[in-house]
Amino acid sequence: EFARKNLFDPLEIELKGDISLCSEE
């Protein structure tokens, strides 16, 4: 959230959301 507001959005870099990795696979 902090990165979007202050870095990514001004640079027009889209990061859609969090990625959860629940296993080694």
PDBML (XML) file of the C-alpha atoms, coordinates in Angstrom:
<?xml version="1.0" encoding="UTF-8" ?>
<PDBx:datablock datablockName="MODEL"
   xmlns:PDBx="http://pdbml.pdb.org/schema/pdbx-v50.xsd"
   xmlns:xsi="http://www.w3.org/2001/XMLSchema-instance"
   xsi:schemaLocation="http://pdbml.pdb.org/schema/pdbx-v50.xsd pdbx-v50.xsd">
   <PDBx:atom_siteCategory>
      <PDBx:atom_site id="1">
         <PDBx:B_iso_or_equiv>0.00</PDBx:B_iso_or_equiv>
         <PDBx:Cartn_x>0.000</PDBx:Cartn_x>
         <PDBx:Cartn_y>0.000</PDBx:Cartn_y>
         <PDBx:Cartn_z>0.000</PDBx:Cartn_z>
         <PDBx:auth_asym_id>A</PDBx:auth_asym_id>
         <PDBx:auth_atom_id>CA</PDBx:auth_atom_id>
         <PDBx:auth_comp_id>GLU</PDBx:auth_comp_id>
         <PDBx:auth_seq_id>1</PDBx:auth_seq_id>
         <PDBx:group_PDB>ATOM</PDBx:group_PDB>
         <PDBx:label_alt_id xsi:nil="true" />
         <PDBx:label_asym_id>A</PDBx:label_asym_id>
         <PDBx:label_atom_id>CA</PDBx:label_atom_id>
         <PDBx:label_comp_id>GLU</PDBx:label_comp_id>
         <PDBx:label_entity_id>1</PDBx:label_entity_id>
         <PDBx:label_seq_id>1</PDBx:label_seq_id>
         <PDBx:occupancy>1.00</PDBx:occupancy>
         <PDBx:pdbx_PDB_model_num>1</PDBx:pdbx_PDB_model_num>
         <PDBx:type_symbol>C</PDBx:type_symbol>
      </PDBx:atom_site>
      <PDBx:atom_site id="2">
         <PDBx:B_iso_or_equiv>0.00</PDBx:B_iso_or_equiv>
         <PDBx:Cartn_x>2.799</PDBx:Cartn_x>
         <PDBx:Cartn_y>2.412</PDBx:Cartn_y>
         <PDBx:Cartn_z>0.933</PDBx:Cartn_z>
         <PDBx:auth_asym_id>A</PDBx:auth_asym_id>
         <PDBx:auth_atom_id>CA</PDBx:auth_atom_id>
         <PDBx:auth_comp_id>PHE</PDBx:auth_comp_id>
         <PDBx:auth_seq_id>2</PDBx:auth_seq_id>
         <PDBx:group_PDB>ATOM</PDBx:group_PDB>
         <PDBx:label_alt_id xsi:nil="true" />
         <PDBx:label_asym_id>A</PDBx:label_asym_id>
         <PDBx:label_atom_id>CA</PDBx:label_atom_id>
         <PDBx:label_comp_id>PHE</PDBx:label_comp_id>
         <PDBx:label_entity_id>1</PDBx:label_entity_id>
         <PDBx:label_seq_id>2</PDBx:label_seq_id>
         <PDBx:occupancy>1.00</PDBx:occupancy>
         <PDBx:pdbx_PDB_model_num>1</PDBx:pdbx_PDB_model_num>
         <PDBx:type_symbol>C</PDBx:type_symbol>
      </PDBx:atom_site>
      <PDBx:atom_site id="3">
         <PDBx:B_iso_or_equiv>0.00</PDBx:B_iso_or_equiv>
         <PDBx:Cartn_x>4.751</PDBx:Cartn_x>
         <PDBx:Cartn_y>1.507</PDBx:Cartn_y>
         <PDBx:Cartn_z>-2.211</PDBx:Cartn_z>
         <PDBx:auth_asym_id>A</PDBx:auth_asym_id>
         <PDBx:auth_atom_id>CA</PDBx:auth_atom_id>
         <PDBx:auth_comp_id>ALA</PDBx:auth_comp_id>
         <PDBx:auth_seq_id>3</PDBx:auth_seq_id>
         <PDBx:group_PDB>ATOM</PDBx:group_PDB>
         <PDBx:label_alt_id xsi:nil="true" />
         <PDBx:label_asym_id>A</PDBx:label_asym_id>
         <PDBx:label_atom_id>CA</PDBx:label_atom_id>
         <PDBx:label_comp_id>ALA</PDBx:label_comp_id>
         <PDBx:label_entity_id>1</PDBx:label_entity_id>
         <PDBx:label_seq_id>3</PDBx:label_seq_id>
         <PDBx:occupancy>1.00</PDBx:occupancy>
         <PDBx:pdbx_PDB_model_num>1</PDBx:pdbx_PDB_model_num>
         <PDBx:type_symbol>C</PDBx:type_symbol>
      </PDBx:atom_site>
      <PDBx:atom_site id="4">
         <PDBx:B_iso_or_equiv>0.00</PDBx:B_iso_or_equiv>
         <PDBx:Cartn_x>1.744</PDBx:Cartn_x>
         <PDBx:Cartn_y>1.983</PDBx:Cartn_y>
         <PDBx:Cartn_z>-4.486</PDBx:Cartn_z>
         <PDBx:auth_asym_id>A</PDBx:auth_asym_id>
         <PDBx:auth_atom_id>CA</PDBx:auth_atom_id>
         <PDBx:auth_comp_id>ARG</PDBx:auth_comp_id>
         <PDBx:auth_seq_id>4</PDBx:auth_seq_id>
         <PDBx:group_PDB>ATOM</PDBx:group_PDB>
         <PDBx:label_alt_id xsi:nil="true" />
         <PDBx:label_asym_id>A</PDBx:label_asym_id>
         <PDBx:label_atom_id>CA</PDBx:label_atom_id>
         <PDBx:label_comp_id>ARG</PDBx:label_comp_id>
         <PDBx:label_entity_id>1</PDBx:label_entity_id>
         <PDBx:label_seq_id>4</PDBx:label_seq_id>
         <PDBx:occupancy>1.00</PDBx:occupancy>
         <PDBx:pdbx_PDB_model_num>1</PDBx:pdbx_PDB_model_num>
         <PDBx:type_symbol>C</PDBx:type_symbol>
      </PDBx:atom_site>
      <PDBx:atom_site id="5">
         <PDBx:B_iso_or_equiv>0.00</PDBx:B_iso_or_equiv>
         <PDBx:Cartn_x>0.921</PDBx:Cartn_x>
         <PDBx:Cartn_y>5.391</PDBx:Cartn_y>
         <PDBx:Cartn_z>-3.115</PDBx:Cartn_z>
         <PDBx:auth_asym_id>A</PDBx:auth_asym_id>
         <PDBx:auth_atom_id>CA</PDBx:auth_atom_id>
         <PDBx:auth_comp_id>LYS</PDBx:auth_comp_id>
         <PDBx:auth_seq_id>5</PDBx:auth_seq_id>
         <PDBx:group_PDB>ATOM</PDBx:group_PDB>
         <PDBx:label_alt_id xsi:nil="true" />
         <PDBx:label_asym_id>A</PDBx:label_asym_id>
         <PDBx:label_atom_id>CA</PDBx:label_atom_id>
         <PDBx:label_comp_id>LYS</PDBx:label_comp_id>
         <PDBx:label_entity_id>1</PDBx:label_entity_id>
         <PDBx:label_seq_id>5</PDBx:label_seq_id>
         <PDBx:occupancy>1.00</PDBx:occupancy>
         <PDBx:pdbx_PDB_model_num>1</PDBx:pdbx_PDB_model_num>
         <PDBx:type_symbol>C</PDBx:type_symbol>
      </PDBx:atom_site>
      <PDBx:atom_site id="6">
         <PDBx:B_iso_or_equiv>0.00</PDBx:B_iso_or_equiv>
         <PDBx:Cartn_x>4.428</PDBx:Cartn_x>
         <PDBx:Cartn_y>6.787</PDBx:Cartn_y>
         <PDBx:Cartn_z>-3.061</PDBx:Cartn_z>
         <PDBx:auth_asym_id>A</PDBx:auth_asym_id>
         <PDBx:auth_atom_id>CA</PDBx:auth_atom_id>
         <PDBx:auth_comp_id>ASN</PDBx:auth_comp_id>
         <PDBx:auth_seq_id>6</PDBx:auth_seq_id>
         <PDBx:group_PDB>ATOM</PDBx:group_PDB>
         <PDBx:label_alt_id xsi:nil="true" />
         <PDBx:label_asym_id>A</PDBx:label_asym_id>
         <PDBx:label_atom_id>CA</PDBx:label_atom_id>
         <PDBx:label_comp_id>ASN</PDBx:label_comp_id>
         <PDBx:label_entity_id>1</PDBx:label_entity_id>
         <PDBx:label_seq_id>6</PDBx:label_seq_id>
         <PDBx:occupancy>1.00</PDBx:occupancy>
         <PDBx:pdbx_PDB_model_num>1</PDBx:pdbx_PDB_model_num>
         <PDBx:type_symbol>C</PDBx:type_symbol>
      </PDBx:atom_site>
      <PDBx:atom_site id="7">
         <PDBx:B_iso_or_equiv>0.00</PDBx:B_iso_or_equiv>
         <PDBx:Cartn_x>6.375</PDBx:Cartn_x>
         <PDBx:Cartn_y>4.945</PDBx:Cartn_y>
         <PDBx:Cartn_z>-5.766</PDBx:Cartn_z>
         <PDBx:auth_asym_id>A</PDBx:auth_asym_id>
         <PDBx:auth_atom_id>CA</PDBx:auth_atom_id>
         <PDBx:auth_comp_id>LEU</PDBx:auth_comp_id>
         <PDBx:auth_seq_id>7</PDBx:auth_seq_id>
         <PDBx:group_PDB>ATOM</PDBx:group_PDB>
         <PDBx:label_alt_id xsi:nil="true" />
         <PDBx:label_asym_id>A</PDBx:label_asym_id>
         <PDBx:label_atom_id>CA</PDBx:label_atom_id>
         <PDBx:label_comp_id>LEU</PDBx:label_comp_id>
         <PDBx:label_entity_id>1</PDBx:label_entity_id>
         <PDBx:label_seq_id>7</PDBx:label_seq_id>
         <PDBx:occupancy>1.00</PDBx:occupancy>
         <PDBx:pdbx_PDB_model_num>1</PDBx:pdbx_PDB_model_num>
         <PDBx:type_symbol>C</PDBx:type_symbol>
      </PDBx:atom_site>
      <PDBx:atom_site id="8">
         <PDBx:B_iso_or_equiv>0.00</PDBx:B_iso_or_equiv>
         <PDBx:Cartn_x>4.502</PDBx:Cartn_x>
         <PDBx:Cartn_y>2.573</PDBx:Cartn_y>
         <PDBx:Cartn_z>-8.063</PDBx:Cartn_z>
         <PDBx:auth_asym_id>A</PDBx:auth_asym_id>
         <PDBx:auth_atom_id>CA</PDBx:auth_atom_id>
         <PDBx:auth_comp_id>PHE</PDBx:auth_comp_id>
         <PDBx:auth_seq_id>8</PDBx:auth_seq_id>
         <PDBx:group_PDB>ATOM</PDBx:group_PDB>
         <PDBx:label_alt_id xsi:nil="true" />
         <PDBx:label_asym_id>A</PDBx:label_asym_id>
         <PDBx:label_atom_id>CA</PDBx:label_atom_id>
         <PDBx:label_comp_id>PHE</PDBx:label_comp_id>
         <PDBx:label_entity_id>1</PDBx:label_entity_id>
         <PDBx:label_seq_id>8</PDBx:label_seq_id>
         <PDBx:occupancy>1.00</PDBx:occupancy>
         <PDBx:pdbx_PDB_model_num>1</PDBx:pdbx_PDB_model_num>
         <PDBx:type_symbol>C</PDBx:type_symbol>
      </PDBx:atom_site>
      <PDBx:atom_site id="9">
         <PDBx:B_iso_or_equiv>0.00</PDBx:B_iso_or_equiv>
         <PDBx:Cartn_x>1.453</PDBx:Cartn_x>
         <PDBx:Cartn_y>4.677</PDBx:Cartn_y>
         <PDBx:Cartn_z>-8.907</PDBx:Cartn_z>
         <PDBx:auth_asym_id>A</PDBx:auth_asym_id>
         <PDBx:auth_atom_id>CA</PDBx:auth_atom_id>
         <PDBx:auth_comp_id>ASP</PDBx:auth_comp_id>
         <PDBx:auth_seq_id>9</PDBx:auth_seq_id>
         <PDBx:group_PDB>ATOM</PDBx:group_PDB>
         <PDBx:label_alt_id xsi:nil="true" />
         <PDBx:label_asym_id>A</PDBx:label_asym_id>
         <PDBx:label_atom_id>CA</PDBx:label_atom_id>
         <PDBx:label_comp_id>ASP</PDBx:label_comp_id>
         <PDBx:label_entity_id>1</PDBx:label_entity_id>
         <PDBx:label_seq_id>9</PDBx:label_seq_id>
         <PDBx:occupancy>1.00</PDBx:occupancy>
         <PDBx:pdbx_PDB_model_num>1</PDBx:pdbx_PDB_model_num>
         <PDBx:type_symbol>C</PDBx:type_symbol>
      </PDBx:atom_site>
      <PDBx:atom_site id="10">
         <PDBx:B_iso_or_equiv>0.00</PDBx:B_iso_or_equiv>
         <PDBx:Cartn_x>3.479</PDBx:Cartn_x>
         <PDBx:Cartn_y>7.813</PDBx:Cartn_y>
         <PDBx:Cartn_z>-9.785</PDBx:Cartn_z>
         <PDBx:auth_asym_id>A</PDBx:auth_asym_id>
         <PDBx:auth_atom_id>CA</PDBx:auth_atom_id>
         <PDBx:auth_comp_id>PRO</PDBx:auth_comp_id>
         <PDBx:auth_seq_id>10</PDBx:auth_seq_id>
         <PDBx:group_PDB>ATOM</PDBx:group_PDB>
         <PDBx:label_alt_id xsi:nil="true" />
         <PDBx:label_asym_id>A</PDBx:label_asym_id>
         <PDBx:label_atom_id>CA</PDBx:label_atom_id>
         <PDBx:label_comp_id>PRO</PDBx:label_comp_id>
         <PDBx:label_entity_id>1</PDBx:label_entity_id>
         <PDBx:label_seq_id>10</PDBx:label_seq_id>
         <PDBx:occupancy>1.00</PDBx:occupancy>
         <PDBx:pdbx_PDB_model_num>1</PDBx:pdbx_PDB_model_num>
         <PDBx:type_symbol>C</PDBx:type_symbol>
      </PDBx:atom_site>
      <PDBx:atom_site id="11">
         <PDBx:B_iso_or_equiv>0.00</PDBx:B_iso_or_equiv>
         <PDBx:Cartn_x>5.716</PDBx:Cartn_x>
         <PDBx:Cartn_y>5.639</PDBx:Cartn_y>
         <PDBx:Cartn_z>-11.999</PDBx:Cartn_z>
         <PDBx:auth_asym_id>A</PDBx:auth_asym_id>
         <PDBx:auth_atom_id>CA</PDBx:auth_atom_id>
         <PDBx:auth_comp_id>LEU</PDBx:auth_comp_id>
         <PDBx:auth_seq_id>11</PDBx:auth_seq_id>
         <PDBx:group_PDB>ATOM</PDBx:group_PDB>
         <PDBx:label_alt_id xsi:nil="true" />
         <PDBx:label_asym_id>A</PDBx:label_asym_id>
         <PDBx:label_atom_id>CA</PDBx:label_atom_id>
         <PDBx:label_comp_id>LEU</PDBx:label_comp_id>
         <PDBx:label_entity_id>1</PDBx:label_entity_id>
         <PDBx:label_seq_id>11</PDBx:label_seq_id>
         <PDBx:occupancy>1.00</PDBx:occupancy>
         <PDBx:pdbx_PDB_model_num>1</PDBx:pdbx_PDB_model_num>
         <PDBx:type_symbol>C</PDBx:type_symbol>
      </PDBx:atom_site>
      <PDBx:atom_site id="12">
         <PDBx:B_iso_or_equiv>0.00</PDBx:B_iso_or_equiv>
         <PDBx:Cartn_x>2.657</PDBx:Cartn_x>
         <PDBx:Cartn_y>3.916</PDBx:Cartn_y>
         <PDBx:Cartn_z>-13.507</PDBx:Cartn_z>
         <PDBx:auth_asym_id>A</PDBx:auth_asym_id>
         <PDBx:auth_atom_id>CA</PDBx:auth_atom_id>
         <PDBx:auth_comp_id>GLU</PDBx:auth_comp_id>
         <PDBx:auth_seq_id>12</PDBx:auth_seq_id>
         <PDBx:group_PDB>ATOM</PDBx:group_PDB>
         <PDBx:label_alt_id xsi:nil="true" />
         <PDBx:label_asym_id>A</PDBx:label_asym_id>
         <PDBx:label_atom_id>CA</PDBx:label_atom_id>
         <PDBx:label_comp_id>GLU</PDBx:label_comp_id>
         <PDBx:label_entity_id>1</PDBx:label_entity_id>
         <PDBx:label_seq_id>12</PDBx:label_seq_id>
         <PDBx:occupancy>1.00</PDBx:occupancy>
         <PDBx:pdbx_PDB_model_num>1</PDBx:pdbx_PDB_model_num>
         <PDBx:type_symbol>C</PDBx:type_symbol>
      </PDBx:atom_site>
      <PDBx:atom_site id="13">
         <PDBx:B_iso_or_equiv>0.00</PDBx:B_iso_or_equiv>
         <PDBx:Cartn_x>3.854</PDBx:Cartn_x>
         <PDBx:Cartn_y>0.516</PDBx:Cartn_y>
         <PDBx:Cartn_z>-12.335</PDBx:Cartn_z>
         <PDBx:auth_asym_id>A</PDBx:auth_asym_id>
         <PDBx:auth_atom_id>CA</PDBx:auth_atom_id>
         <PDBx:auth_comp_id>ILE</PDBx:auth_comp_id>
         <PDBx:auth_seq_id>13</PDBx:auth_seq_id>
         <PDBx:group_PDB>ATOM</PDBx:group_PDB>
         <PDBx:label_alt_id xsi:nil="true" />
         <PDBx:label_asym_id>A</PDBx:label_asym_id>
         <PDBx:label_atom_id>CA</PDBx:label_atom_id>
         <PDBx:label_comp_id>ILE</PDBx:label_comp_id>
         <PDBx:label_entity_id>1</PDBx:label_entity_id>
         <PDBx:label_seq_id>13</PDBx:label_seq_id>
         <PDBx:occupancy>1.00</PDBx:occupancy>
         <PDBx:pdbx_PDB_model_num>1</PDBx:pdbx_PDB_model_num>
         <PDBx:type_symbol>C</PDBx:type_symbol>
      </PDBx:atom_site>
      <PDBx:atom_site id="14">
         <PDBx:B_iso_or_equiv>0.00</PDBx:B_iso_or_equiv>
         <PDBx:Cartn_x>0.946</PDBx:Cartn_x>
         <PDBx:Cartn_y>-1.843</PDBx:Cartn_y>
         <PDBx:Cartn_z>-11.755</PDBx:Cartn_z>
         <PDBx:auth_asym_id>A</PDBx:auth_asym_id>
         <PDBx:auth_atom_id>CA</PDBx:auth_atom_id>
         <PDBx:auth_comp_id>GLU</PDBx:auth_comp_id>
         <PDBx:auth_seq_id>14</PDBx:auth_seq_id>
         <PDBx:group_PDB>ATOM</PDBx:group_PDB>
         <PDBx:label_alt_id xsi:nil="true" />
         <PDBx:label_asym_id>A</PDBx:label_asym_id>
         <PDBx:label_atom_id>CA</PDBx:label_atom_id>
         <PDBx:label_comp_id>GLU</PDBx:label_comp_id>
         <PDBx:label_entity_id>1</PDBx:label_entity_id>
         <PDBx:label_seq_id>14</PDBx:label_seq_id>
         <PDBx:occupancy>1.00</PDBx:occupancy>
         <PDBx:pdbx_PDB_model_num>1</PDBx:pdbx_PDB_model_num>
         <PDBx:type_symbol>C</PDBx:type_symbol>
      </PDBx:atom_site>
      <PDBx:atom_site id="15">
         <PDBx:B_iso_or_equiv>0.00</PDBx:B_iso_or_equiv>
         <PDBx:Cartn_x>1.196</PDBx:Cartn_x>
         <PDBx:Cartn_y>-4.383</PDBx:Cartn_y>
         <PDBx:Cartn_z>-8.950</PDBx:Cartn_z>
         <PDBx:auth_asym_id>A</PDBx:auth_asym_id>
         <PDBx:auth_atom_id>CA</PDBx:auth_atom_id>
         <PDBx:auth_comp_id>LEU</PDBx:auth_comp_id>
         <PDBx:auth_seq_id>15</PDBx:auth_seq_id>
         <PDBx:group_PDB>ATOM</PDBx:group_PDB>
         <PDBx:label_alt_id xsi:nil="true" />
         <PDBx:label_asym_id>A</PDBx:label_asym_id>
         <PDBx:label_atom_id>CA</PDBx:label_atom_id>
         <PDBx:label_comp_id>LEU</PDBx:label_comp_id>
         <PDBx:label_entity_id>1</PDBx:label_entity_id>
         <PDBx:label_seq_id>15</PDBx:label_seq_id>
         <PDBx:occupancy>1.00</PDBx:occupancy>
         <PDBx:pdbx_PDB_model_num>1</PDBx:pdbx_PDB_model_num>
         <PDBx:type_symbol>C</PDBx:type_symbol>
      </PDBx:atom_site>
      <PDBx:atom_site id="16">
         <PDBx:B_iso_or_equiv>0.00</PDBx:B_iso_or_equiv>
         <PDBx:Cartn_x>-2.187</PDBx:Cartn_x>
         <PDBx:Cartn_y>-6.048</PDBx:Cartn_y>
         <PDBx:Cartn_z>-8.572</PDBx:Cartn_z>
         <PDBx:auth_asym_id>A</PDBx:auth_asym_id>
         <PDBx:auth_atom_id>CA</PDBx:auth_atom_id>
         <PDBx:auth_comp_id>LYS</PDBx:auth_comp_id>
         <PDBx:auth_seq_id>16</PDBx:auth_seq_id>
         <PDBx:group_PDB>ATOM</PDBx:group_PDB>
         <PDBx:label_alt_id xsi:nil="true" />
         <PDBx:label_asym_id>A</PDBx:label_asym_id>
         <PDBx:label_atom_id>CA</PDBx:label_atom_id>
         <PDBx:label_comp_id>LYS</PDBx:label_comp_id>
         <PDBx:label_entity_id>1</PDBx:label_entity_id>
         <PDBx:label_seq_id>16</PDBx:label_seq_id>
         <PDBx:occupancy>1.00</PDBx:occupancy>
         <PDBx:pdbx_PDB_model_num>1</PDBx:pdbx_PDB_model_num>
         <PDBx:type_symbol>C</PDBx:type_symbol>
      </PDBx:atom_site>
      <PDBx:atom_site id="17">
         <PDBx:B_iso_or_equiv>0.00</PDBx:B_iso_or_equiv>
         <PDBx:Cartn_x>-1.905</PDBx:Cartn_x>
         <PDBx:Cartn_y>-7.416</PDBx:Cartn_y>
         <PDBx:Cartn_z>-5.054</PDBx:Cartn_z>
         <PDBx:auth_asym_id>A</PDBx:auth_asym_id>
         <PDBx:auth_atom_id>CA</PDBx:auth_atom_id>
         <PDBx:auth_comp_id>GLY</PDBx:auth_comp_id>
         <PDBx:auth_seq_id>17</PDBx:auth_seq_id>
         <PDBx:group_PDB>ATOM</PDBx:group_PDB>
         <PDBx:label_alt_id xsi:nil="true" />
         <PDBx:label_asym_id>A</PDBx:label_asym_id>
         <PDBx:label_atom_id>CA</PDBx:label_atom_id>
         <PDBx:label_comp_id>GLY</PDBx:label_comp_id>
         <PDBx:label_entity_id>1</PDBx:label_entity_id>
         <PDBx:label_seq_id>17</PDBx:label_seq_id>
         <PDBx:occupancy>1.00</PDBx:occupancy>
         <PDBx:pdbx_PDB_model_num>1</PDBx:pdbx_PDB_model_num>
         <PDBx:type_symbol>C</PDBx:type_symbol>
      </PDBx:atom_site>
      <PDBx:atom_site id="18">
         <PDBx:B_iso_or_equiv>0.00</PDBx:B_iso_or_equiv>
         <PDBx:Cartn_x>-0.429</PDBx:Cartn_x>
         <PDBx:Cartn_y>-9.784</PDBx:Cartn_y>
         <PDBx:Cartn_z>-2.520</PDBx:Cartn_z>
         <PDBx:auth_asym_id>A</PDBx:auth_asym_id>
         <PDBx:auth_atom_id>CA</PDBx:auth_atom_id>
         <PDBx:auth_comp_id>ASP</PDBx:auth_comp_id>
         <PDBx:auth_seq_id>18</PDBx:auth_seq_id>
         <PDBx:group_PDB>ATOM</PDBx:group_PDB>
         <PDBx:label_alt_id xsi:nil="true" />
         <PDBx:label_asym_id>A</PDBx:label_asym_id>
         <PDBx:label_atom_id>CA</PDBx:label_atom_id>
         <PDBx:label_comp_id>ASP</PDBx:label_comp_id>
         <PDBx:label_entity_id>1</PDBx:label_entity_id>
         <PDBx:label_seq_id>18</PDBx:label_seq_id>
         <PDBx:occupancy>1.00</PDBx:occupancy>
         <PDBx:pdbx_PDB_model_num>1</PDBx:pdbx_PDB_model_num>
         <PDBx:type_symbol>C</PDBx:type_symbol>
      </PDBx:atom_site>
      <PDBx:atom_site id="19">
         <PDBx:B_iso_or_equiv>0.00</PDBx:B_iso_or_equiv>
         <PDBx:Cartn_x>0.784</PDBx:Cartn_x>
         <PDBx:Cartn_y>-13.225</PDBx:Cartn_y>
         <PDBx:Cartn_z>-3.522</PDBx:Cartn_z>
         <PDBx:auth_asym_id>A</PDBx:auth_asym_id>
         <PDBx:auth_atom_id>CA</PDBx:auth_atom_id>
         <PDBx:auth_comp_id>ILE</PDBx:auth_comp_id>
         <PDBx:auth_seq_id>19</PDBx:auth_seq_id>
         <PDBx:group_PDB>ATOM</PDBx:group_PDB>
         <PDBx:label_alt_id xsi:nil="true" />
         <PDBx:label_asym_id>A</PDBx:label_asym_id>
         <PDBx:label_atom_id>CA</PDBx:label_atom_id>
         <PDBx:label_comp_id>ILE</PDBx:label_comp_id>
         <PDBx:label_entity_id>1</PDBx:label_entity_id>
         <PDBx:label_seq_id>19</PDBx:label_seq_id>
         <PDBx:occupancy>1.00</PDBx:occupancy>
         <PDBx:pdbx_PDB_model_num>1</PDBx:pdbx_PDB_model_num>
         <PDBx:type_symbol>C</PDBx:type_symbol>
      </PDBx:atom_site>
      <PDBx:atom_site id="20">
         <PDBx:B_iso_or_equiv>0.00</PDBx:B_iso_or_equiv>
         <PDBx:Cartn_x>0.522</PDBx:Cartn_x>
         <PDBx:Cartn_y>-16.014</PDBx:Cartn_y>
         <PDBx:Cartn_z>-0.927</PDBx:Cartn_z>
         <PDBx:auth_asym_id>A</PDBx:auth_asym_id>
         <PDBx:auth_atom_id>CA</PDBx:auth_atom_id>
         <PDBx:auth_comp_id>SER</PDBx:auth_comp_id>
         <PDBx:auth_seq_id>20</PDBx:auth_seq_id>
         <PDBx:group_PDB>ATOM</PDBx:group_PDB>
         <PDBx:label_alt_id xsi:nil="true" />
         <PDBx:label_asym_id>A</PDBx:label_asym_id>
         <PDBx:label_atom_id>CA</PDBx:label_atom_id>
         <PDBx:label_comp_id>SER</PDBx:label_comp_id>
         <PDBx:label_entity_id>1</PDBx:label_entity_id>
         <PDBx:label_seq_id>20</PDBx:label_seq_id>
         <PDBx:occupancy>1.00</PDBx:occupancy>
         <PDBx:pdbx_PDB_model_num>1</PDBx:pdbx_PDB_model_num>
         <PDBx:type_symbol>C</PDBx:type_symbol>
      </PDBx:atom_site>
      <PDBx:atom_site id="21">
         <PDBx:B_iso_or_equiv>0.00</PDBx:B_iso_or_equiv>
         <PDBx:Cartn_x>2.688</PDBx:Cartn_x>
         <PDBx:Cartn_y>-19.085</PDBx:Cartn_y>
         <PDBx:Cartn_z>-1.356</PDBx:Cartn_z>
         <PDBx:auth_asym_id>A</PDBx:auth_asym_id>
         <PDBx:auth_atom_id>CA</PDBx:auth_atom_id>
         <PDBx:auth_comp_id>LEU</PDBx:auth_comp_id>
         <PDBx:auth_seq_id>21</PDBx:auth_seq_id>
         <PDBx:group_PDB>ATOM</PDBx:group_PDB>
         <PDBx:label_alt_id xsi:nil="true" />
         <PDBx:label_asym_id>A</PDBx:label_asym_id>
         <PDBx:label_atom_id>CA</PDBx:label_atom_id>
         <PDBx:label_comp_id>LEU</PDBx:label_comp_id>
         <PDBx:label_entity_id>1</PDBx:label_entity_id>
         <PDBx:label_seq_id>21</PDBx:label_seq_id>
         <PDBx:occupancy>1.00</PDBx:occupancy>
         <PDBx:pdbx_PDB_model_num>1</PDBx:pdbx_PDB_model_num>
         <PDBx:type_symbol>C</PDBx:type_symbol>
      </PDBx:atom_site>
      <PDBx:atom_site id="22">
         <PDBx:B_iso_or_equiv>0.00</PDBx:B_iso_or_equiv>
         <PDBx:Cartn_x>1.277</PDBx:Cartn_x>
         <PDBx:Cartn_y>-21.798</PDBx:Cartn_y>
         <PDBx:Cartn_z>0.862</PDBx:Cartn_z>
         <PDBx:auth_asym_id>A</PDBx:auth_asym_id>
         <PDBx:auth_atom_id>CA</PDBx:auth_atom_id>
         <PDBx:auth_comp_id>CYS</PDBx:auth_comp_id>
         <PDBx:auth_seq_id>22</PDBx:auth_seq_id>
         <PDBx:group_PDB>ATOM</PDBx:group_PDB>
         <PDBx:label_alt_id xsi:nil="true" />
         <PDBx:label_asym_id>A</PDBx:label_asym_id>
         <PDBx:label_atom_id>CA</PDBx:label_atom_id>
         <PDBx:label_comp_id>CYS</PDBx:label_comp_id>
         <PDBx:label_entity_id>1</PDBx:label_entity_id>
         <PDBx:label_seq_id>22</PDBx:label_seq_id>
         <PDBx:occupancy>1.00</PDBx:occupancy>
         <PDBx:pdbx_PDB_model_num>1</PDBx:pdbx_PDB_model_num>
         <PDBx:type_symbol>C</PDBx:type_symbol>
      </PDBx:atom_site>
      <PDBx:atom_site id="23">
         <PDBx:B_iso_or_equiv>0.00</PDBx:B_iso_or_equiv>
         <PDBx:Cartn_x>3.644</PDBx:Cartn_x>
         <PDBx:Cartn_y>-24.649</PDBx:Cartn_y>
         <PDBx:Cartn_z>0.005</PDBx:Cartn_z>
         <PDBx:auth_asym_id>A</PDBx:auth_asym_id>
         <PDBx:auth_atom_id>CA</PDBx:auth_atom_id>
         <PDBx:auth_comp_id>SER</PDBx:auth_comp_id>
         <PDBx:auth_seq_id>23</PDBx:auth_seq_id>
         <PDBx:group_PDB>ATOM</PDBx:group_PDB>
         <PDBx:label_alt_id xsi:nil="true" />
         <PDBx:label_asym_id>A</PDBx:label_asym_id>
         <PDBx:label_atom_id>CA</PDBx:label_atom_id>
         <PDBx:label_comp_id>SER</PDBx:label_comp_id>
         <PDBx:label_entity_id>1</PDBx:label_entity_id>
         <PDBx:label_seq_id>23</PDBx:label_seq_id>
         <PDBx:occupancy>1.00</PDBx:occupancy>
         <PDBx:pdbx_PDB_model_num>1</PDBx:pdbx_PDB_model_num>
         <PDBx:type_symbol>C</PDBx:type_symbol>
      </PDBx:atom_site>
      <PDBx:atom_site id="24">
         <PDBx:B_iso_or_equiv>0.00</PDBx:B_iso_or_equiv>
         <PDBx:Cartn_x>7.078</PDBx:Cartn_x>
         <PDBx:Cartn_y>-25.437</PDBx:Cartn_y>
         <PDBx:Cartn_z>-1.362</PDBx:Cartn_z>
         <PDBx:auth_asym_id>A</PDBx:auth_asym_id>
         <PDBx:auth_atom_id>CA</PDBx:auth_atom_id>
         <PDBx:auth_comp_id>GLU</PDBx:auth_comp_id>
         <PDBx:auth_seq_id>24</PDBx:auth_seq_id>
         <PDBx:group_PDB>ATOM</PDBx:group_PDB>
         <PDBx:label_alt_id xsi:nil="true" />
         <PDBx:label_asym_id>A</PDBx:label_asym_id>
         <PDBx:label_atom_id>CA</PDBx:label_atom_id>
         <PDBx:label_comp_id>GLU</PDBx:label_comp_id>
         <PDBx:label_entity_id>1</PDBx:label_entity_id>
         <PDBx:label_seq_id>24</PDBx:label_seq_id>
         <PDBx:occupancy>1.00</PDBx:occupancy>
         <PDBx:pdbx_PDB_model_num>1</PDBx:pdbx_PDB_model_num>
         <PDBx:type_symbol>C</PDBx:type_symbol>
      </PDBx:atom_site>
      <PDBx:atom_site id="25">
         <PDBx:B_iso_or_equiv>0.00</PDBx:B_iso_or_equiv>
         <PDBx:Cartn_x>5.441</PDBx:Cartn_x>
         <PDBx:Cartn_y>-26.496</PDBx:Cartn_y>
         <PDBx:Cartn_z>-4.614</PDBx:Cartn_z>
         <PDBx:auth_asym_id>A</PDBx:auth_asym_id>
         <PDBx:auth_atom_id>CA</PDBx:auth_atom_id>
         <PDBx:auth_comp_id>GLU</PDBx:auth_comp_id>
         <PDBx:auth_seq_id>25</PDBx:auth_seq_id>
         <PDBx:group_PDB>ATOM</PDBx:group_PDB>
         <PDBx:label_alt_id xsi:nil="true" />
         <PDBx:label_asym_id>A</PDBx:label_asym_id>
         <PDBx:label_atom_id>CA</PDBx:label_atom_id>
         <PDBx:label_comp_id>GLU</PDBx:label_comp_id>
         <PDBx:label_entity_id>1</PDBx:label_entity_id>
         <PDBx:label_seq_id>25</PDBx:label_seq_id>
         <PDBx:occupancy>1.00</PDBx:occupancy>
         <PDBx:pdbx_PDB_model_num>1</PDBx:pdbx_PDB_model_num>
         <PDBx:type_symbol>C</PDBx:type_symbol>
      </PDBx:atom_site>
   </PDBx:atom_siteCategory>
</PDBx:datablock>
